[in-house]
Amino acid sequence: MQNSKHKHHEIVLRAFDRLFDRAAAKLRVEISEEEKQEARKDFAERAAQAIDLFAQMGVLEIPEEVMQHMEASLDKLSPAQLIGYLAALPLVHQAQEVMRQLAYQAAQQKLLERMIEQADDTYGGN
């Protein structure tokens, strides 16, 4: 299983590398190999769940047509759109954190309500 997971991990990281290079070329930005490896590592950490999903689905490769479509999508973006996506990332991350906290609070509330209901049933509450 570990070897299979590693294989899926590499499939997704190769796709990331290809799209990363395409985006860097689009923005005419030179990235050192060290910077690229750091970006790759950050992506792998953030995308761990997605990579696991690929493994669970048994994805053995990302088809060339899909890769070409993703690259074409990058090519169609204007520099302003790319910068807009970059600017939106921290906002999206913050929104996800808030949603996670709200879901946690809702789960706590539901658990508390169940405990109160059980206590009422057990001890003959009002």
C-alpha atoms as a PDB file:
ATOM      1  CA  MET A   1       0.000   0.000   0.000  1.00  0.00           C
ATOM      2  CA  GLN A   2       2.828   2.396   0.881  1.00  0.00           C
ATOM      3  CA  ASN A   3       4.482   1.808  -2.514  1.00  0.00           C
ATOM      4  CA  SER A   4       1.153   2.422  -4.270  1.00  0.00           C
ATOM      5  CA  LYS A   5       0.623   5.609  -2.290  1.00  0.00           C
ATOM      6  CA  HIS A   6       4.132   6.770  -3.226  1.00  0.00           C
ATOM      7  CA  LYS A   7       3.410   6.049  -6.896  1.00  0.00           C
ATOM      8  CA  HIS A   8       0.225   8.154  -6.792  1.00  0.00           C
ATOM      9  CA  HIS A   9       2.120  10.864  -4.931  1.00  0.00           C
ATOM     10  CA  GLU A  10       4.679  11.022  -7.748  1.00  0.00           C
ATOM     11  CA  ILE A  11       1.966  11.125 -10.433  1.00  0.00           C
ATOM     12  CA  VAL A  12       0.394  14.210  -8.873  1.00  0.00           C
ATOM     13  CA  LEU A  13       3.772  15.855  -8.209  1.00  0.00           C
ATOM     14  CA  ARG A  14       4.846  15.356 -11.831  1.00  0.00           C
ATOM     15  CA  ALA A  15       1.635  17.081 -12.913  1.00  0.00           C
ATOM     16  CA  PHE A  16       2.353  19.893 -10.451  1.00  0.00           C
ATOM     17  CA  ASP A  17       5.885  20.283 -11.842  1.00  0.00           C
ATOM     18  CA  ARG A  18       4.589  20.545 -15.383  1.00  0.00           C
ATOM     19  CA  LEU A  19       1.929  23.116 -14.473  1.00  0.00           C
ATOM     20  CA  PHE A  20       4.365  25.021 -12.248  1.00  0.00           C
ATOM     21  CA  ASP A  21       6.824  25.345 -15.135  1.00  0.00           C
ATOM     22  CA  ARG A  22       4.022  26.474 -17.444  1.00  0.00           C
ATOM     23  CA  ALA A  23       2.822  29.124 -14.954  1.00  0.00           C
ATOM     24  CA  ALA A  24       6.382  30.382 -14.383  1.00  0.00           C
ATOM     25  CA  ALA A  25       6.872  30.693 -18.154  1.00  0.00           C
ATOM     26  CA  LYS A  26       3.542  32.493 -18.472  1.00  0.00           C
ATOM     27  CA  LEU A  27       4.597  35.055 -15.879  1.00  0.00           C
ATOM     28  CA  ARG A  28       8.152  35.157 -17.258  1.00  0.00           C
ATOM     29  CA  VAL A  29       9.523  34.401 -13.800  1.00  0.00           C
ATOM     30  CA  GLU A  30      12.760  32.543 -13.259  1.00  0.00           C
ATOM     31  CA  ILE A  31      12.607  30.120 -10.363  1.00  0.00           C
ATOM     32  CA  SER A  32      15.665  28.404  -8.925  1.00  0.00           C
ATOM     33  CA  GLU A  33      15.583  24.641  -8.534  1.00  0.00           C
ATOM     34  CA  GLU A  34      15.659  25.129  -4.762  1.00  0.00           C
ATOM     35  CA  GLU A  35      12.607  27.439  -4.898  1.00  0.00           C
ATOM     36  CA  LYS A  36      10.796  24.985  -7.152  1.00  0.00           C
ATOM     37  CA  GLN A  37      11.509  22.095  -4.796  1.00  0.00           C
ATOM     38  CA  GLU A  38      10.228  24.167  -1.863  1.00  0.00           C
ATOM     39  CA  ALA A  39       7.030  24.962  -3.799  1.00  0.00           C
ATOM     40  CA  ARG A  40       6.681  21.271  -4.650  1.00  0.00           C
ATOM     41  CA  LYS A  41       7.077  20.307  -1.002  1.00  0.00           C
ATOM     42  CA  ASP A  42       4.507  22.906   0.090  1.00  0.00           C
ATOM     43  CA  PHE A  43       2.076  21.651  -2.540  1.00  0.00           C
ATOM     44  CA  ALA A  44       2.567  18.032  -1.470  1.00  0.00           C
ATOM     45  CA  GLU A  45       1.756  18.953   2.124  1.00  0.00           C
ATOM     46  CA  ARG A  46      -1.328  20.997   1.198  1.00  0.00           C
ATOM     47  CA  ALA A  47      -2.583  18.423  -1.316  1.00  0.00           C
ATOM     48  CA  ALA A  48      -2.003  15.308   0.796  1.00  0.00           C
ATOM     49  CA  GLN A  49      -5.741  14.548   0.968  1.00  0.00           C
ATOM     50  CA  ALA A  50      -6.159  14.982  -2.785  1.00  0.00           C
ATOM     51  CA  ILE A  51      -3.191  12.700  -3.398  1.00  0.00           C
ATOM     52  CA  ASP A  52      -4.738  10.107  -1.079  1.00  0.00           C
ATOM     53  CA  LEU A  53      -7.992  10.409  -3.037  1.00  0.00           C
ATOM     54  CA  PHE A  54      -6.096   9.675  -6.274  1.00  0.00           C
ATOM     55  CA  ALA A  55      -4.652   6.578  -4.603  1.00  0.00           C
ATOM     56  CA  GLN A  56      -8.077   5.405  -3.368  1.00  0.00           C
ATOM     57  CA  MET A  57      -9.536   5.870  -6.840  1.00  0.00           C
ATOM     58  CA  GLY A  58      -6.693   3.863  -8.349  1.00  0.00           C
ATOM     59  CA  VAL A  59      -5.575   6.662 -10.680  1.00  0.00           C
ATOM     60  CA  LEU A  60      -2.434   5.375 -12.365  1.00  0.00           C
ATOM     61  CA  GLU A  61      -1.748   8.421 -14.488  1.00  0.00           C
ATOM     62  CA  ILE A  62      -3.184  11.753 -15.470  1.00  0.00           C
ATOM     63  CA  PRO A  63      -4.089  11.443 -19.153  1.00  0.00           C
ATOM     64  CA  GLU A  64      -2.119  13.605 -21.560  1.00  0.00           C
ATOM     65  CA  GLU A  65      -5.328  15.226 -22.816  1.00  0.00           C
ATOM     66  CA  VAL A  66      -6.162  16.305 -19.252  1.00  0.00           C
ATOM     67  CA  MET A  67      -2.676  17.733 -18.763  1.00  0.00           C
ATOM     68  CA  GLN A  68      -2.923  19.612 -22.064  1.00  0.00           C
ATOM     69  CA  HIS A  69      -6.323  20.996 -21.042  1.00  0.00           C
ATOM     70  CA  MET A  70      -4.914  22.221 -17.710  1.00  0.00           C
ATOM     71  CA  GLU A  71      -1.937  23.803 -19.479  1.00  0.00           C
ATOM     72  CA  ALA A  72      -4.260  25.485 -21.987  1.00  0.00           C
ATOM     73  CA  SER A  73      -6.283  26.853 -19.078  1.00  0.00           C
ATOM     74  CA  LEU A  74      -3.128  28.448 -17.708  1.00  0.00           C
ATOM     75  CA  ASP A  75      -2.273  29.844 -21.137  1.00  0.00           C
ATOM     76  CA  LYS A  76      -5.693  31.522 -21.392  1.00  0.00           C
ATOM     77  CA  LEU A  77      -5.324  33.369 -18.089  1.00  0.00           C
ATOM     78  CA  SER A  78      -4.174  36.944 -18.245  1.00  0.00           C
ATOM     79  CA  PRO A  79      -1.433  38.075 -15.853  1.00  0.00           C
ATOM     80  CA  ALA A  80      -4.104  40.040 -13.948  1.00  0.00           C
ATOM     81  CA  GLN A  81      -6.211  36.879 -13.544  1.00  0.00           C
ATOM     82  CA  LEU A  82      -3.199  34.915 -12.300  1.00  0.00           C
ATOM     83  CA  ILE A  83      -2.408  37.627  -9.780  1.00  0.00           C
ATOM     84  CA  GLY A  84      -6.083  37.657  -8.798  1.00  0.00           C
ATOM     85  CA  TYR A  85      -5.904  33.935  -8.039  1.00  0.00           C
ATOM     86  CA  LEU A  86      -2.796  34.489  -5.958  1.00  0.00           C
ATOM     87  CA  ALA A  87      -4.460  37.329  -4.064  1.00  0.00           C
ATOM     88  CA  ALA A  88      -7.531  35.168  -3.401  1.00  0.00           C
ATOM     89  CA  LEU A  89      -5.605  32.232  -1.906  1.00  0.00           C
ATOM     90  CA  PRO A  90      -5.190  33.720   1.596  1.00  0.00           C
ATOM     91  CA  LEU A  91      -8.866  34.709   1.618  1.00  0.00           C
ATOM     92  CA  VAL A  92      -9.954  31.220   0.596  1.00  0.00           C
ATOM     93  CA  HIS A  93      -7.702  29.715   3.247  1.00  0.00           C
ATOM     94  CA  GLN A  94      -9.176  32.025   5.897  1.00  0.00           C
ATOM     95  CA  ALA A  95     -12.723  31.190   4.793  1.00  0.00           C
ATOM     96  CA  GLN A  96     -11.923  27.469   5.071  1.00  0.00           C
ATOM     97  CA  GLU A  97     -10.601  28.006   8.601  1.00  0.00           C
ATOM     98  CA  VAL A  98     -13.741  29.885   9.616  1.00  0.00           C
ATOM     99  CA  MET A  99     -15.943  27.158   8.104  1.00  0.00           C
ATOM    100  CA  ARG A 100     -13.930  24.487   9.923  1.00  0.00           C
ATOM    101  CA  GLN A 101     -14.377  26.341  13.225  1.00  0.00           C
ATOM    102  CA  LEU A 102     -18.117  26.760  12.605  1.00  0.00           C
ATOM    103  CA  ALA A 103     -18.485  23.058  11.808  1.00  0.00           C
ATOM    104  CA  TYR A 104     -16.573  22.179  14.984  1.00  0.00           C
ATOM    105  CA  GLN A 105     -18.788  24.462  17.076  1.00  0.00           C
ATOM    106  CA  ALA A 106     -21.937  22.988  15.488  1.00  0.00           C
ATOM    107  CA  ALA A 107     -20.702  19.469  16.254  1.00  0.00           C
ATOM    108  CA  GLN A 108     -19.995  20.465  19.862  1.00  0.00           C
ATOM    109  CA  GLN A 109     -23.484  21.964  20.172  1.00  0.00           C
ATOM    110  CA  LYS A 110     -25.100  18.827  18.732  1.00  0.00           C
ATOM    111  CA  LEU A 111     -23.116  16.624  21.128  1.00  0.00           C
ATOM    112  CA  LEU A 112     -24.164  18.796  24.070  1.00  0.00           C
ATOM    113  CA  GLU A 113     -27.821  18.610  22.999  1.00  0.00           C
ATOM    114  CA  ARG A 114     -27.619  14.796  22.752  1.00  0.00           C
ATOM    115  CA  MET A 115     -26.067  14.564  26.191  1.00  0.00           C
ATOM    116  CA  ILE A 116     -28.858  16.742  27.633  1.00  0.00           C
ATOM    117  CA  GLU A 117     -31.515  14.609  25.890  1.00  0.00           C
ATOM    118  CA  GLN A 118     -29.944  11.417  27.246  1.00  0.00           C
ATOM    119  CA  ALA A 119     -29.799  12.880  30.742  1.00  0.00           C
ATOM    120  CA  ASP A 120     -33.463  13.909  30.485  1.00  0.00           C
ATOM    121  CA  ASP A 121     -34.450  10.428  29.299  1.00  0.00           C
ATOM    122  CA  THR A 122     -32.362   8.705  31.945  1.00  0.00           C
ATOM    123  CA  TYR A 123     -33.219  10.910  34.899  1.00  0.00           C
ATOM    124  CA  GLY A 124     -36.771  11.966  33.989  1.00  0.00           C
ATOM    125  CA  GLY A 125     -36.171  15.605  33.101  1.00  0.00           C
ATOM    126  CA  ASN A 126     -38.962  18.041  32.409  1.00  0.00           C
END
